[in-house]
């Protein structure tokens, strides 16, 4: 398994393999610990209290997109173009000042508008919690650029340690508090805030660690230049968040806290997909930013070659999640959340398409405005369809299906936008034949595991899941070898034949 991941990350781009690996580790641990928190709180809190806690995180995440102004992406983009450590420290200082100011505005808005936000979501219990939660942006906003800084400065190992320890501290604070307080939402919120304050302080210190002992040098980067880059990213971030959170809003507003808990646990992308896309995106942004200045064709080639490498890791797990969604939901969250399996299947469909982010490629090619426009169109369509759904077809499944359909449509529009503006048919450069073989191998192996469960009559969800996983892994190795799948890095201009024959 270790050699497989090393080969995967090694094929991304020479010299960046270790960075991608450590970013992947940090994302993976963060996602797993977040999942453990959800599993624990689902059992320690009532559905209504747990739903209220999730609504707190939802409101914070929504406003974070607005008040961050696209600044987190600026760190990687501008640091990749500086010529000295002094200029790098100057860039970090300038961006951090902006983040501190926006964090103050964010915290004040969250505190003053807490009751109005609670009324908007139809849950009066949110008001006091949001006022306590207003401390979080003050603590976390100054450290939002730590990932971009550490990846660009090739210190992803330290980033991984920071992320793992901060998420572990959050898990311990939140879960222990929930157990000790009997699942009280207020106590759990205070515990989360305390962990965030410590995490933010350490993150800010870590942001300056690559430049310790270096004097800041004015490199000519102005606030106007930062805003010219950040605003299209900011708009795209808002539209993207509308796309990802519109469904949650309508469920929270019209279905209640209990159904919101079911929807939040069920309609979530599998952690591995988020880990891979986030890790690849973090590494590709500074790399493509450099390449776009000298070789746009190679810039596109690097992105396309990353598609197969990501799919070879994500697709087998995505297909497994689709086939065994009921067993996964019961094992993770309990029998009461079995109904969320349909939602989990729909969310896993996105992972079959969204395997490499478009943001690094389109940003490097100067297509940030096009990226934002596509997300705007997708967001408008999604909100309109959600309004119709809650009025005429009030169903969690319908809400999830609309979200998946519009998301897939947006991905197709992004493909078309890049192809049109670069005069290169993007899909022709993808290894379609190898992708088809990969999908066949994944599907066949999972069906074999399903057959074993049917024959043996296993009914216990965890046992069935373990047995199916063992069979699926063995069958995948056999079928993959028979189909000629070979996990190897694609270098230079080497791209597999794109004909599905």
Foldseek 3Di string as FASTA:
>chain_A
DVVLLLQLLCQLDPPQSVLLVLLLLLLLLLVVLVLVLLLLLLVLADLQLVLLLVVLVLVVVLVCLQLLLQLLLVLLLVLLPDDDLQQNVQVLVVSLVSLLVSLVVQLVCQQVCLCVVCVLLVHNVRRVLSNLLSLLSNLASSLSNLLSQCSSVVNSNVVSVLSNVLSVQLSCQQSVQSNVVSNHNNSSSNSNSVSSNVSSVVSNVSSCVVNVPHHHDNPPDDPVNSSVLSNLSSLLSNLVSLLVCVLLSLCSRQVHSNVSSLLVLQQDEDSSLVSQQVSSLSNLQSVLLVCLVPPLPVNLLSQQLSQVSQCLRLVLVLLLCLLQQLLVQCVRHNPVNSVSSLNNNLNSVVSLQPRYDCVSSCSSNVNSNVSSVLSNVLSVQLNVQSVVCVVPPNDSNSNSNSSSVSSVVSSVSSQVVVCVVVVHNSLQQHQQQLSVLSNVLSNVLQVVLVVVCVVVVDDNSVVSSVSSVVSSVVSSVVSCVVSPDDSGRADDSDHHHNDHD
